[in-house]
Amino acid sequence: WLKCHWQHHTGTFFNGVAYHIIEKGPIFSIMSFDSSSEEFQEFIAPDAICNSLGLCMDVYKEHICLLFRYYGCEDECMQKYDLWVLREKRWKQLCPFVYPWNRCRAMGINIDNEL
C-alpha cells in the first residue's frame, strides 16, 4: 500500500517503534513500524515541511519530533528553525527559534531534553 521512491532520510527508534521519514512526491510523511504489534502507521508531516534539506527527526520529551531548518532570517547570519512534536497522532509546533548560521554546527537533543 506504500508507493514512494526510496530516499535516504533519517529515522529513529523509540519505545519499540521504528520511525522513518519518507517522500511521496511533494509530501513528506513519517512511517512507523511497531515491533510488538507488527503494524505500520503513516503520519503526514506538517505542510511547512517542504524540503528534505535541513530536516531531521529525533525524540524530544518522550515524543517523536521533527527539526526543520529551511527559512532565511532577517539577519543574514541567522537561520530559523521549526520544532514539531507528534502528540496523540497529531503534529504540534513548538516555538520556532533562531540560531546563528555557520558552516560548522552541531544541534541535537540531550538526555535532559534540552536542545
PDB file of N, CA and C in Angstrom:
ATOM      1  N   TRP A   1       0.803  -1.200   0.000  1.00  0.00           N
ATOM      2  CA  TRP A   1       0.000   0.000   0.000  1.00  0.00           C
ATOM      3  C   TRP A   1       0.846   1.264   0.000  1.00  0.00           C
ATOM      4  N   LEU A   2       2.118   1.109   0.262  1.00  0.00           N
ATOM      5  CA  LEU A   2       3.014   2.263   0.309  1.00  0.00           C
ATOM      6  C   LEU A   2       3.804   2.335  -0.982  1.00  0.00           C
ATOM      7  N   LYS A   3       3.550   3.364  -1.770  1.00  0.00           N
ATOM      8  CA  LYS A   3       4.277   3.555  -3.014  1.00  0.00           C
ATOM      9  C   LYS A   3       5.015   4.883  -2.920  1.00  0.00           C
ATOM     10  N   CYS A   4       6.314   4.807  -2.853  1.00  0.00           N
ATOM     11  CA  CYS A   4       7.130   6.012  -2.790  1.00  0.00           C
ATOM     12  C   CYS A   4       8.516   5.662  -3.290  1.00  0.00           C
ATOM     13  N   HIS A   5       9.270   6.677  -3.672  1.00  0.00           N
ATOM     14  CA  HIS A   5      10.657   6.476  -4.056  1.00  0.00           C
ATOM     15  C   HIS A   5      11.492   6.464  -2.787  1.00  0.00           C
ATOM     16  N   TRP A   6      12.398   5.507  -2.685  1.00  0.00           N
ATOM     17  CA  TRP A   6      13.246   5.419  -1.510  1.00  0.00           C
ATOM     18  C   TRP A   6      14.251   6.557  -1.510  1.00  0.00           C
ATOM     19  N   GLN A   7      14.290   7.284  -0.440  1.00  0.00           N
ATOM     20  CA  GLN A   7      15.257   8.349  -0.231  1.00  0.00           C
ATOM     21  C   GLN A   7      15.958   8.052   1.084  1.00  0.00           C
ATOM     22  N   HIS A   8      17.203   8.457   1.178  1.00  0.00           N
ATOM     23  CA  HIS A   8      17.931   8.227   2.422  1.00  0.00           C
ATOM     24  C   HIS A   8      17.672   9.402   3.369  1.00  0.00           C
ATOM     25  N   HIS A   9      16.643   9.261   4.187  1.00  0.00           N
ATOM     26  CA  HIS A   9      16.327  10.260   5.195  1.00  0.00           C
ATOM     27  C   HIS A   9      16.569   9.646   6.569  1.00  0.00           C
ATOM     28  N   THR A  10      16.529  10.477   7.561  1.00  0.00           N
ATOM     29  CA  THR A  10      16.812   9.997   8.908  1.00  0.00           C
ATOM     30  C   THR A  10      15.648   9.214   9.486  1.00  0.00           C
ATOM     31  N   GLY A  11      15.963   8.409  10.460  1.00  0.00           N
ATOM     32  CA  GLY A  11      14.965   7.653  11.187  1.00  0.00           C
ATOM     33  C   GLY A  11      15.402   7.537  12.626  1.00  0.00           C
ATOM     34  N   THR A  12      14.527   7.005  13.455  1.00  0.00           N
ATOM     35  CA  THR A  12      14.862   6.792  14.857  1.00  0.00           C
ATOM     36  C   THR A  12      14.031   5.644  15.399  1.00  0.00           C
ATOM     37  N   PHE A  13      14.415   5.149  16.549  1.00  0.00           N
ATOM     38  CA  PHE A  13      13.723   4.043  17.200  1.00  0.00           C
ATOM     39  C   PHE A  13      13.397   4.477  18.617  1.00  0.00           C
ATOM     40  N   PHE A  14      12.113   4.343  19.018  1.00  0.00           N
ATOM     41  CA  PHE A  14      11.690   4.815  20.331  1.00  0.00           C
ATOM     42  C   PHE A  14      10.549   3.941  20.845  1.00  0.00           C
ATOM     43  N   ASN A  15      10.680   3.434  22.061  1.00  0.00           N
ATOM     44  CA  ASN A  15       9.657   2.611  22.701  1.00  0.00           C
ATOM     45  C   ASN A  15       9.183   1.445  21.831  1.00  0.00           C
ATOM     46  N   GLY A  16      10.108   0.799  21.164  1.00  0.00           N
ATOM     47  CA  GLY A  16       9.762  -0.366  20.359  1.00  0.00           C
ATOM     48  C   GLY A  16       9.175  -0.047  19.000  1.00  0.00           C
ATOM     49  N   VAL A  17       9.210   1.205  18.612  1.00  0.00           N
ATOM     50  CA  VAL A  17       8.654   1.622  17.321  1.00  0.00           C
ATOM     51  C   VAL A  17       9.766   2.275  16.503  1.00  0.00           C
ATOM     52  N   ALA A  18       9.891   1.828  15.246  1.00  0.00           N
ATOM     53  CA  ALA A  18      10.845   2.431  14.311  1.00  0.00           C
ATOM     54  C   ALA A  18      10.114   3.500  13.512  1.00  0.00           C
ATOM     55  N   TYR A  19      10.739   4.668  13.354  1.00  0.00           N
ATOM     56  CA  TYR A  19      10.171   5.783  12.609  1.00  0.00           C
ATOM     57  C   TYR A  19      11.142   6.152  11.491  1.00  0.00           C
ATOM     58  N   HIS A  20      10.587   6.472  10.321  1.00  0.00           N
ATOM     59  CA  HIS A  20      11.431   6.843   9.191  1.00  0.00           C
ATOM     60  C   HIS A  20      10.718   7.906   8.359  1.00  0.00           C
ATOM     61  N   ILE A  21      11.469   8.896   7.894  1.00  0.00           N
ATOM     62  CA  ILE A  21      10.922   9.943   7.027  1.00  0.00           C
ATOM     63  C   ILE A  21      10.883   9.411   5.601  1.00  0.00           C
ATOM     64  N   ILE A  22       9.740   9.589   4.932  1.00  0.00           N
ATOM     65  CA  ILE A  22       9.626   9.212   3.527  1.00  0.00           C
ATOM     66  C   ILE A  22       9.085  10.391   2.733  1.00  0.00           C
ATOM     67  N   GLU A  23       9.336  10.359   1.423  1.00  0.00           N
ATOM     68  CA  GLU A  23       8.831  11.367   0.490  1.00  0.00           C
ATOM     69  C   GLU A  23       7.922  10.685  -0.506  1.00  0.00           C
ATOM     70  N   LYS A  24       6.730  11.230  -0.683  1.00  0.00           N
ATOM     71  CA  LYS A  24       5.818  10.746  -1.717  1.00  0.00           C
ATOM     72  C   LYS A  24       5.484  11.963  -2.573  1.00  0.00           C
ATOM     73  N   GLY A  25       6.255  12.148  -3.644  1.00  0.00           N
ATOM     74  CA  GLY A  25       6.107  13.370  -4.438  1.00  0.00           C
ATOM     75  C   GLY A  25       6.506  14.549  -3.577  1.00  0.00           C
ATOM     76  N   PRO A  26       5.640  15.579  -3.508  1.00  0.00           N
ATOM     77  CA  PRO A  26       5.979  16.752  -2.700  1.00  0.00           C
ATOM     78  C   PRO A  26       5.611  16.610  -1.224  1.00  0.00           C
ATOM     79  N   ILE A  27       5.048  15.468  -0.838  1.00  0.00           N
ATOM     80  CA  ILE A  27       4.563  15.287   0.526  1.00  0.00           C
ATOM     81  C   ILE A  27       5.552  14.458   1.335  1.00  0.00           C
ATOM     82  N   PHE A  28       5.816  14.921   2.549  1.00  0.00           N
ATOM     83  CA  PHE A  28       6.668  14.188   3.482  1.00  0.00           C
ATOM     84  C   PHE A  28       5.786  13.510   4.521  1.00  0.00           C
ATOM     85  N   SER A  29       6.157  12.298   4.868  1.00  0.00           N
ATOM     86  CA  SER A  29       5.433  11.540   5.884  1.00  0.00           C
ATOM     87  C   SER A  29       6.429  10.878   6.820  1.00  0.00           C
ATOM     88  N   ILE A  30       5.927  10.506   7.972  1.00  0.00           N
ATOM     89  CA  ILE A  30       6.689   9.687   8.903  1.00  0.00           C
ATOM     90  C   ILE A  30       5.993   8.330   8.924  1.00  0.00           C
ATOM     91  N   MET A  31       6.743   7.301   8.593  1.00  0.00           N
ATOM     92  CA  MET A  31       6.215   5.936   8.673  1.00  0.00           C
ATOM     93  C   MET A  31       6.711   5.341   9.986  1.00  0.00           C
ATOM     94  N   SER A  32       5.820   4.623  10.645  1.00  0.00           N
ATOM     95  CA  SER A  32       6.233   3.950  11.875  1.00  0.00           C
ATOM     96  C   SER A  32       5.934   2.464  11.742  1.00  0.00           C
ATOM     97  N   PHE A  33       6.765   1.673  12.393  1.00  0.00           N
ATOM     98  CA  PHE A  33       6.542   0.234  12.477  1.00  0.00           C
ATOM     99  C   PHE A  33       6.689  -0.166  13.930  1.00  0.00           C
ATOM    100  N   ASP A  34       5.602  -0.660  14.507  1.00  0.00           N
ATOM    101  CA  ASP A  34       5.592  -1.101  15.889  1.00  0.00           C
ATOM    102  C   ASP A  34       6.065  -2.553  15.925  1.00  0.00           C
ATOM    103  N   SER A  35       7.188  -2.789  16.579  1.00  0.00           N
ATOM    104  CA  SER A  35       7.768  -4.136  16.572  1.00  0.00           C
ATOM    105  C   SER A  35       6.967  -5.133  17.414  1.00  0.00           C
ATOM    106  N   SER A  36       6.145  -4.674  18.343  1.00  0.00           N
ATOM    107  CA  SER A  36       5.348  -5.619  19.137  1.00  0.00           C
ATOM    108  C   SER A  36       4.055  -6.016  18.422  1.00  0.00           C
ATOM    109  N   SER A  37       3.362  -5.055  17.831  1.00  0.00           N
ATOM    110  CA  SER A  37       2.109  -5.366  17.127  1.00  0.00           C
ATOM    111  C   SER A  37       2.331  -5.678  15.649  1.00  0.00           C
ATOM    112  N   GLU A  38       3.542  -5.367  15.145  1.00  0.00           N
ATOM    113  CA  GLU A  38       3.895  -5.545  13.729  1.00  0.00           C
ATOM    114  C   GLU A  38       2.948  -4.773  12.812  1.00  0.00           C
ATOM    115  N   GLU A  39       2.593  -3.556  13.232  1.00  0.00           N
ATOM    116  CA  GLU A  39       1.707  -2.702  12.446  1.00  0.00           C
ATOM    117  C   GLU A  39       2.444  -1.446  11.995  1.00  0.00           C
ATOM    118  N   PHE A  40       2.097  -1.003  10.782  1.00  0.00           N
ATOM    119  CA  PHE A  40       2.616   0.237  10.221  1.00  0.00           C
ATOM    120  C   PHE A  40       1.598   1.346  10.438  1.00  0.00           C
ATOM    121  N   GLN A  41       2.091   2.577  10.553  1.00  0.00           N
ATOM    122  CA  GLN A  41       1.249   3.762  10.557  1.00  0.00           C
ATOM    123  C   GLN A  41       1.954   4.846   9.768  1.00  0.00           C
ATOM    124  N   GLU A  42       1.172   5.736   9.197  1.00  0.00           N
ATOM    125  CA  GLU A  42       1.726   6.870   8.464  1.00  0.00           C
ATOM    126  C   GLU A  42       1.211   8.158   9.085  1.00  0.00           C
ATOM    127  N   PHE A  43       2.115   9.104   9.291  1.00  0.00           N
ATOM    128  CA  PHE A  43       1.771  10.422   9.817  1.00  0.00           C
ATOM    129  C   PHE A  43       2.250  11.457   8.804  1.00  0.00           C
ATOM    130  N   ILE A  44       1.327  12.141   8.160  1.00  0.00           N
ATOM    131  CA  ILE A  44       1.691  13.173   7.193  1.00  0.00           C
ATOM    132  C   ILE A  44       2.386  14.309   7.939  1.00  0.00           C
ATOM    133  N   ALA A  45       3.528  14.735   7.436  1.00  0.00           N
ATOM    134  CA  ALA A  45       4.276  15.828   8.071  1.00  0.00           C
ATOM    135  C   ALA A  45       3.518  17.148   7.885  1.00  0.00           C
ATOM    136  N   PRO A  46       3.774  18.116   8.735  1.00  0.00           N
ATOM    137  CA  PRO A  46       3.139  19.431   8.579  1.00  0.00           C
ATOM    138  C   PRO A  46       3.444  20.031   7.201  1.00  0.00           C
ATOM    139  N   ASP A  47       2.505  20.819   6.681  1.00  0.00           N
ATOM    140  CA  ASP A  47       2.662  21.443   5.362  1.00  0.00           C
ATOM    141  C   ASP A  47       3.909  22.302   5.263  1.00  0.00           C
ATOM    142  N   ALA A  48       4.339  22.874   6.370  1.00  0.00           N
ATOM    143  CA  ALA A  48       5.519  23.743   6.364  1.00  0.00           C
ATOM    144  C   ALA A  48       6.783  22.988   5.984  1.00  0.00           C
ATOM    145  N   ILE A  49       6.782  21.677   6.135  1.00  0.00           N
ATOM    146  CA  ILE A  49       7.951  20.871   5.789  1.00  0.00           C
ATOM    147  C   ILE A  49       7.862  20.542   4.305  1.00  0.00           C
ATOM    148  N   CYS A  50       8.680  21.253   3.546  1.00  0.00           N
ATOM    149  CA  CYS A  50       8.574  21.186   2.087  1.00  0.00           C
ATOM    150  C   CYS A  50       9.879  20.778   1.417  1.00  0.00           C
ATOM    151  N   ASN A  51      10.873  20.417   2.206  1.00  0.00           N
ATOM    152  CA  ASN A  51      12.175  20.107   1.646  1.00  0.00           C
ATOM    153  C   ASN A  51      12.901  19.188   2.619  1.00  0.00           C
ATOM    154  N   SER A  52      13.668  18.251   2.079  1.00  0.00           N
ATOM    155  CA  SER A  52      14.388  17.322   2.960  1.00  0.00           C
ATOM    156  C   SER A  52      15.695  17.917   3.481  1.00  0.00           C
ATOM    157  N   LEU A  53      16.188  18.959   2.832  1.00  0.00           N
ATOM    158  CA  LEU A  53      17.403  19.606   3.328  1.00  0.00           C
ATOM    159  C   LEU A  53      17.077  20.326   4.628  1.00  0.00           C
ATOM    160  N   GLY A  54      17.848  20.089   5.630  1.00  0.00           N
ATOM    161  CA  GLY A  54      17.609  20.739   6.912  1.00  0.00           C
ATOM    162  C   GLY A  54      16.527  20.069   7.735  1.00  0.00           C
ATOM    163  N   LEU A  55      16.120  18.848   7.379  1.00  0.00           N
ATOM    164  CA  LEU A  55      15.084  18.131   8.117  1.00  0.00           C
ATOM    165  C   LEU A  55      15.703  16.960   8.862  1.00  0.00           C
ATOM    166  N   CYS A  56      15.426  16.858  10.145  1.00  0.00           N
ATOM    167  CA  CYS A  56      15.880  15.694  10.906  1.00  0.00           C
ATOM    168  C   CYS A  56      14.820  15.308  11.927  1.00  0.00           C
ATOM    169  N   MET A  57      14.926  14.083  12.397  1.00  0.00           N
ATOM    170  CA  MET A  57      13.958  13.546  13.335  1.00  0.00           C
ATOM    171  C   MET A  57      14.693  13.022  14.561  1.00  0.00           C
ATOM    172  N   ASP A  58      14.055  13.171  15.728  1.00  0.00           N
ATOM    173  CA  ASP A  58      14.642  12.692  16.967  1.00  0.00           C
ATOM    174  C   ASP A  58      13.519  12.492  17.974  1.00  0.00           C
ATOM    175  N   VAL A  59      13.880  12.293  19.232  1.00  0.00           N
ATOM    176  CA  VAL A  59      12.912  12.165  20.318  1.00  0.00           C
ATOM    177  C   VAL A  59      13.114  13.356  21.237  1.00  0.00           C
ATOM    178  N   TYR A  60      12.025  14.055  21.560  1.00  0.00           N
ATOM    179  CA  TYR A  60      12.074  15.225  22.436  1.00  0.00           C
ATOM    180  C   TYR A  60      10.961  15.086  23.468  1.00  0.00           C
ATOM    181  N   LYS A  61      11.328  15.013  24.733  1.00  0.00           N
ATOM    182  CA  LYS A  61      10.377  14.882  25.841  1.00  0.00           C
ATOM    183  C   LYS A  61       9.376  13.751  25.594  1.00  0.00           C
ATOM    184  N   GLU A  62       9.920  12.569  25.264  1.00  0.00           N
ATOM    185  CA  GLU A  62       9.127  11.354  25.083  1.00  0.00           C
ATOM    186  C   GLU A  62       8.191  11.403  23.870  1.00  0.00           C
ATOM    187  N   HIS A  63       8.487  12.289  22.902  1.00  0.00           N
ATOM    188  CA  HIS A  63       7.696  12.381  21.679  1.00  0.00           C
ATOM    189  C   HIS A  63       8.637  12.417  20.479  1.00  0.00           C
ATOM    190  N   ILE A  64       8.179  11.847  19.380  1.00  0.00           N
ATOM    191  CA  ILE A  64       8.919  11.976  18.133  1.00  0.00           C
ATOM    192  C   ILE A  64       8.845  13.437  17.713  1.00  0.00           C
ATOM    193  N   CYS A  65       9.953  13.981  17.250  1.00  0.00           N
ATOM    194  CA  CYS A  65       9.952  15.380  16.825  1.00  0.00           C
ATOM    195  C   CYS A  65      10.649  15.539  15.485  1.00  0.00           C
ATOM    196  N   LEU A  66      10.293  16.597  14.798  1.00  0.00           N
ATOM    197  CA  LEU A  66      10.943  16.997  13.557  1.00  0.00           C
ATOM    198  C   LEU A  66      11.565  18.363  13.776  1.00  0.00           C
ATOM    199  N   LEU A  67      12.802  18.488  13.392  1.00  0.00           N
ATOM    200  CA  LEU A  67      13.516  19.753  13.455  1.00  0.00           C
ATOM    201  C   LEU A  67      13.765  20.163  12.008  1.00  0.00           C
ATOM    202  N   PHE A  68      13.262  21.333  11.630  1.00  0.00           N
ATOM    203  CA  PHE A  68      13.298  21.741  10.236  1.00  0.00           C
ATOM    204  C   PHE A  68      13.920  23.120  10.095  1.00  0.00           C
ATOM    205  N   ARG A  69      15.021  23.175   9.346  1.00  0.00           N
ATOM    206  CA  ARG A  69      15.706  24.433   9.056  1.00  0.00           C
ATOM    207  C   ARG A  69      15.575  24.689   7.561  1.00  0.00           C
ATOM    208  N   TYR A  70      14.763  25.660   7.224  1.00  0.00           N
ATOM    209  CA  TYR A  70      14.587  25.953   5.809  1.00  0.00           C
ATOM    210  C   TYR A  70      14.449  27.440   5.558  1.00  0.00           C
ATOM    211  N   TYR A  71      14.069  28.157   6.574  1.00  0.00           N
ATOM    212  CA  TYR A  71      13.758  29.568   6.411  1.00  0.00           C
ATOM    213  C   TYR A  71      14.984  30.439   6.572  1.00  0.00           C
ATOM    214  N   GLY A  72      15.038  31.469   5.776  1.00  0.00           N
ATOM    215  CA  GLY A  72      16.025  32.504   5.991  1.00  0.00           C
ATOM    216  C   GLY A  72      15.550  33.392   7.122  1.00  0.00           C
ATOM    217  N   CYS A  73      16.371  34.311   7.491  1.00  0.00           N
ATOM    218  CA  CYS A  73      16.030  35.198   8.594  1.00  0.00           C
ATOM    219  C   CYS A  73      16.398  36.619   8.176  1.00  0.00           C
ATOM    220  N   GLU A  74      15.807  37.602   8.834  1.00  0.00           N
ATOM    221  CA  GLU A  74      16.129  38.994   8.513  1.00  0.00           C
ATOM    222  C   GLU A  74      17.617  39.257   8.658  1.00  0.00           C
ATOM    223  N   ASP A  75      18.216  38.683   9.669  1.00  0.00           N
ATOM    224  CA  ASP A  75      19.647  38.811   9.887  1.00  0.00           C
ATOM    225  C   ASP A  75      20.352  37.739   9.054  1.00  0.00           C
ATOM    226  N   GLU A  76      21.228  38.143   8.163  1.00  0.00           N
ATOM    227  CA  GLU A  76      21.901  37.214   7.259  1.00  0.00           C
ATOM    228  C   GLU A  76      22.670  36.116   7.978  1.00  0.00           C
ATOM    229  N   CYS A  77      23.115  36.353   9.179  1.00  0.00           N
ATOM    230  CA  CYS A  77      23.948  35.395   9.900  1.00  0.00           C
ATOM    231  C   CYS A  77      23.129  34.445  10.774  1.00  0.00           C
ATOM    232  N   MET A  78      21.803  34.415  10.588  1.00  0.00           N
ATOM    233  CA  MET A  78      20.945  33.589  11.425  1.00  0.00           C
ATOM    234  C   MET A  78      20.076  32.680  10.557  1.00  0.00           C
ATOM    235  N   GLN A  79      19.661  31.555  11.134  1.00  0.00           N
ATOM    236  CA  GLN A  79      18.751  30.613  10.495  1.00  0.00           C
ATOM    237  C   GLN A  79      17.553  30.406  11.414  1.00  0.00           C
ATOM    238  N   LYS A  80      16.367  30.253  10.826  1.00  0.00           N
ATOM    239  CA  LYS A  80      15.168  29.989  11.610  1.00  0.00           C
ATOM    240  C   LYS A  80      14.876  28.487  11.580  1.00  0.00           C
ATOM    241  N   TYR A  81      14.554  27.931  12.731  1.00  0.00           N
ATOM    242  CA  TYR A  81      14.250  26.510  12.868  1.00  0.00           C
ATOM    243  C   TYR A  81      12.832  26.340  13.406  1.00  0.00           C
ATOM    244  N   ASP A  82      12.146  25.317  12.905  1.00  0.00           N
ATOM    245  CA  ASP A  82      10.855  24.915  13.448  1.00  0.00           C
ATOM    246  C   ASP A  82      11.036  23.599  14.181  1.00  0.00           C
ATOM    247  N   LEU A  83      10.356  23.454  15.301  1.00  0.00           N
ATOM    248  CA  LEU A  83      10.378  22.217  16.062  1.00  0.00           C
ATOM    249  C   LEU A  83       8.940  21.727  16.186  1.00  0.00           C
ATOM    250  N   TRP A  84       8.677  20.532  15.655  1.00  0.00           N
ATOM    251  CA  TRP A  84       7.347  19.923  15.683  1.00  0.00           C
ATOM    252  C   TRP A  84       7.414  18.650  16.501  1.00  0.00           C
ATOM    253  N   VAL A  85       6.409  18.385  17.329  1.00  0.00           N
ATOM    254  CA  VAL A  85       6.346  17.136  18.081  1.00  0.00           C
ATOM    255  C   VAL A  85       5.055  16.401  17.725  1.00  0.00           C
ATOM    256  N   LEU A  86       5.137  15.088  17.722  1.00  0.00           N
ATOM    257  CA  LEU A  86       3.980  14.241  17.422  1.00  0.00           C
ATOM    258  C   LEU A  86       3.335  13.846  18.744  1.00  0.00           C
ATOM    259  N   ARG A  87       2.142  14.393  18.973  1.00  0.00           N
ATOM    260  CA  ARG A  87       1.401  14.114  20.206  1.00  0.00           C
ATOM    261  C   ARG A  87       0.020  13.594  19.839  1.00  0.00           C
ATOM    262  N   GLU A  88      -0.311  12.409  20.338  1.00  0.00           N
ATOM    263  CA  GLU A  88      -1.615  11.802  20.085  1.00  0.00           C
ATOM    264  C   GLU A  88      -1.949  11.793  18.594  1.00  0.00           C
ATOM    265  N   LYS A  89      -0.970  11.393  17.795  1.00  0.00           N
ATOM    266  CA  LYS A  89      -1.098  11.220  16.345  1.00  0.00           C
ATOM    267  C   LYS A  89      -1.334  12.525  15.599  1.00  0.00           C
ATOM    268  N   ARG A  90      -0.985  13.665  16.216  1.00  0.00           N
ATOM    269  CA  ARG A  90      -1.105  14.976  15.568  1.00  0.00           C
ATOM    270  C   ARG A  90       0.188  15.755  15.806  1.00  0.00           C
ATOM    271  N   TRP A  91       0.570  16.574  14.818  1.00  0.00           N
ATOM    272  CA  TRP A  91       1.770  17.394  14.949  1.00  0.00           C
ATOM    273  C   TRP A  91       1.435  18.682  15.671  1.00  0.00           C
ATOM    274  N   LYS A  92       2.285  19.064  16.605  1.00  0.00           N
ATOM    275  CA  LYS A  92       2.146  20.336  17.314  1.00  0.00           C
ATOM    276  C   LYS A  92       3.449  21.098  17.149  1.00  0.00           C
ATOM    277  N   GLN A  93       3.335  22.325  16.675  1.00  0.00           N
ATOM    278  CA  GLN A  93       4.524  23.143  16.508  1.00  0.00           C
ATOM    279  C   GLN A  93       4.868  23.833  17.820  1.00  0.00           C
ATOM    280  N   LEU A  94       6.106  23.645  18.250  1.00  0.00           N
ATOM    281  CA  LEU A  94       6.597  24.375  19.410  1.00  0.00           C
ATOM    282  C   LEU A  94       7.177  25.695  18.922  1.00  0.00           C
ATOM    283  N   CYS A  95       7.565  26.521  19.804  1.00  0.00           N
ATOM    284  CA  CYS A  95       8.054  27.852  19.455  1.00  0.00           C
ATOM    285  C   CYS A  95       9.252  27.767  18.510  1.00  0.00           C
ATOM    286  N   PRO A  96       9.164  28.409  17.329  1.00  0.00           N
ATOM    287  CA  PRO A  96      10.341  28.443  16.448  1.00  0.00           C
ATOM    288  C   PRO A  96      11.471  29.204  17.121  1.00  0.00           C
ATOM    289  N   PHE A  97      12.679  28.940  16.692  1.00  0.00           N
ATOM    290  CA  PHE A  97      13.817  29.641  17.281  1.00  0.00           C
ATOM    291  C   PHE A  97      14.810  30.004  16.190  1.00  0.00           C
ATOM    292  N   VAL A  98      15.665  30.955  16.518  1.00  0.00           N
ATOM    293  CA  VAL A  98      16.678  31.454  15.599  1.00  0.00           C
ATOM    294  C   VAL A  98      18.037  31.028  16.137  1.00  0.00           C
ATOM    295  N   TYR A  99      18.894  30.608  15.227  1.00  0.00           N
ATOM    296  CA  TYR A  99      20.194  30.051  15.608  1.00  0.00           C
ATOM    297  C   TYR A  99      21.251  30.646  14.686  1.00  0.00           C
ATOM    298  N   PRO A 100      22.437  30.977  15.203  1.00  0.00           N
ATOM    299  CA  PRO A 100      23.486  31.528  14.333  1.00  0.00           C
ATOM    300  C   PRO A 100      23.851  30.558  13.206  1.00  0.00           C
ATOM    301  N   TRP A 101      23.982  31.094  12.024  1.00  0.00           N
ATOM    302  CA  TRP A 101      24.351  30.292  10.871  1.00  0.00           C
ATOM    303  C   TRP A 101      25.862  30.271  10.755  1.00  0.00           C
ATOM    304  N   ASN A 102      26.405  29.084  10.620  1.00  0.00           N
ATOM    305  CA  ASN A 102      27.815  28.936  10.270  1.00  0.00           C
ATOM    306  C   ASN A 102      27.976  27.552   9.659  1.00  0.00           C
ATOM    307  N   ARG A 103      29.078  27.301   9.065  1.00  0.00           N
ATOM    308  CA  ARG A 103      29.259  26.033   8.359  1.00  0.00           C
ATOM    309  C   ARG A 103      29.488  24.858   9.289  1.00  0.00           C
ATOM    310  N   CYS A 104      30.030  25.118  10.450  1.00  0.00           N
ATOM    311  CA  CYS A 104      30.309  24.039  11.400  1.00  0.00           C
ATOM    312  C   CYS A 104      29.365  24.186  12.581  1.00  0.00           C
ATOM    313  N   ARG A 105      28.347  23.359  12.614  1.00  0.00           N
ATOM    314  CA  ARG A 105      27.414  23.443  13.730  1.00  0.00           C
ATOM    315  C   ARG A 105      26.935  22.040  14.083  1.00  0.00           C
ATOM    316  N   ALA A 106      26.622  21.877  15.315  1.00  0.00           N
ATOM    317  CA  ALA A 106      26.039  20.621  15.790  1.00  0.00           C
ATOM    318  C   ALA A 106      24.802  20.982  16.579  1.00  0.00           C
ATOM    319  N   MET A 107      23.714  20.291  16.316  1.00  0.00           N
ATOM    320  CA  MET A 107      22.484  20.550  17.031  1.00  0.00           C
ATOM    321  C   MET A 107      21.849  19.208  17.335  1.00  0.00           C
ATOM    322  N   GLY A 108      21.315  19.081  18.511  1.00  0.00           N
ATOM    323  CA  GLY A 108      20.667  17.836  18.889  1.00  0.00           C
ATOM    324  C   GLY A 108      19.931  18.021  20.192  1.00  0.00           C
ATOM    325  N   ILE A 109      19.434  16.926  20.700  1.00  0.00           N
ATOM    326  CA  ILE A 109      18.673  16.932  21.943  1.00  0.00           C
ATOM    327  C   ILE A 109      19.415  16.031  22.929  1.00  0.00           C
ATOM    328  N   ASN A 110      19.733  16.573  24.108  1.00  0.00           N
ATOM    329  CA  ASN A 110      20.490  15.786  25.077  1.00  0.00           C
ATOM    330  C   ASN A 110      19.545  14.963  25.963  1.00  0.00           C
ATOM    331  N   ILE A 111      20.096  14.188  26.873  1.00  0.00           N
ATOM    332  CA  ILE A 111      19.277  13.301  27.698  1.00  0.00           C
ATOM    333  C   ILE A 111      18.394  14.053  28.684  1.00  0.00           C
ATOM    334  N   ASP A 112      18.656  15.338  28.880  1.00  0.00           N
ATOM    335  CA  ASP A 112      17.811  16.171  29.739  1.00  0.00           C
ATOM    336  C   ASP A 112      16.749  16.918  28.929  1.00  0.00           C
ATOM    337  N   ASN A 113      16.546  16.505  27.667  1.00  0.00           N
ATOM    338  CA  ASN A 113      15.578  17.128  26.769  1.00  0.00           C
ATOM    339  C   ASN A 113      15.841  18.596  26.519  1.00  0.00           C
ATOM    340  N   GLU A 114      17.094  18.953  26.430  1.00  0.00           N
ATOM    341  CA  GLU A 114      17.480  20.307  26.085  1.00  0.00           C
ATOM    342  C   GLU A 114      18.004  20.305  24.662  1.00  0.00           C
ATOM    343  N   LEU A 115      17.618  21.314  23.908  1.00  0.00           N
ATOM    344  CA  LEU A 115      18.086  21.435  22.535  1.00  0.00           C
ATOM    345  C   LEU A 115      19.490  21.997  22.538  1.00  0.00           C
TER     346      LEU A 115
END
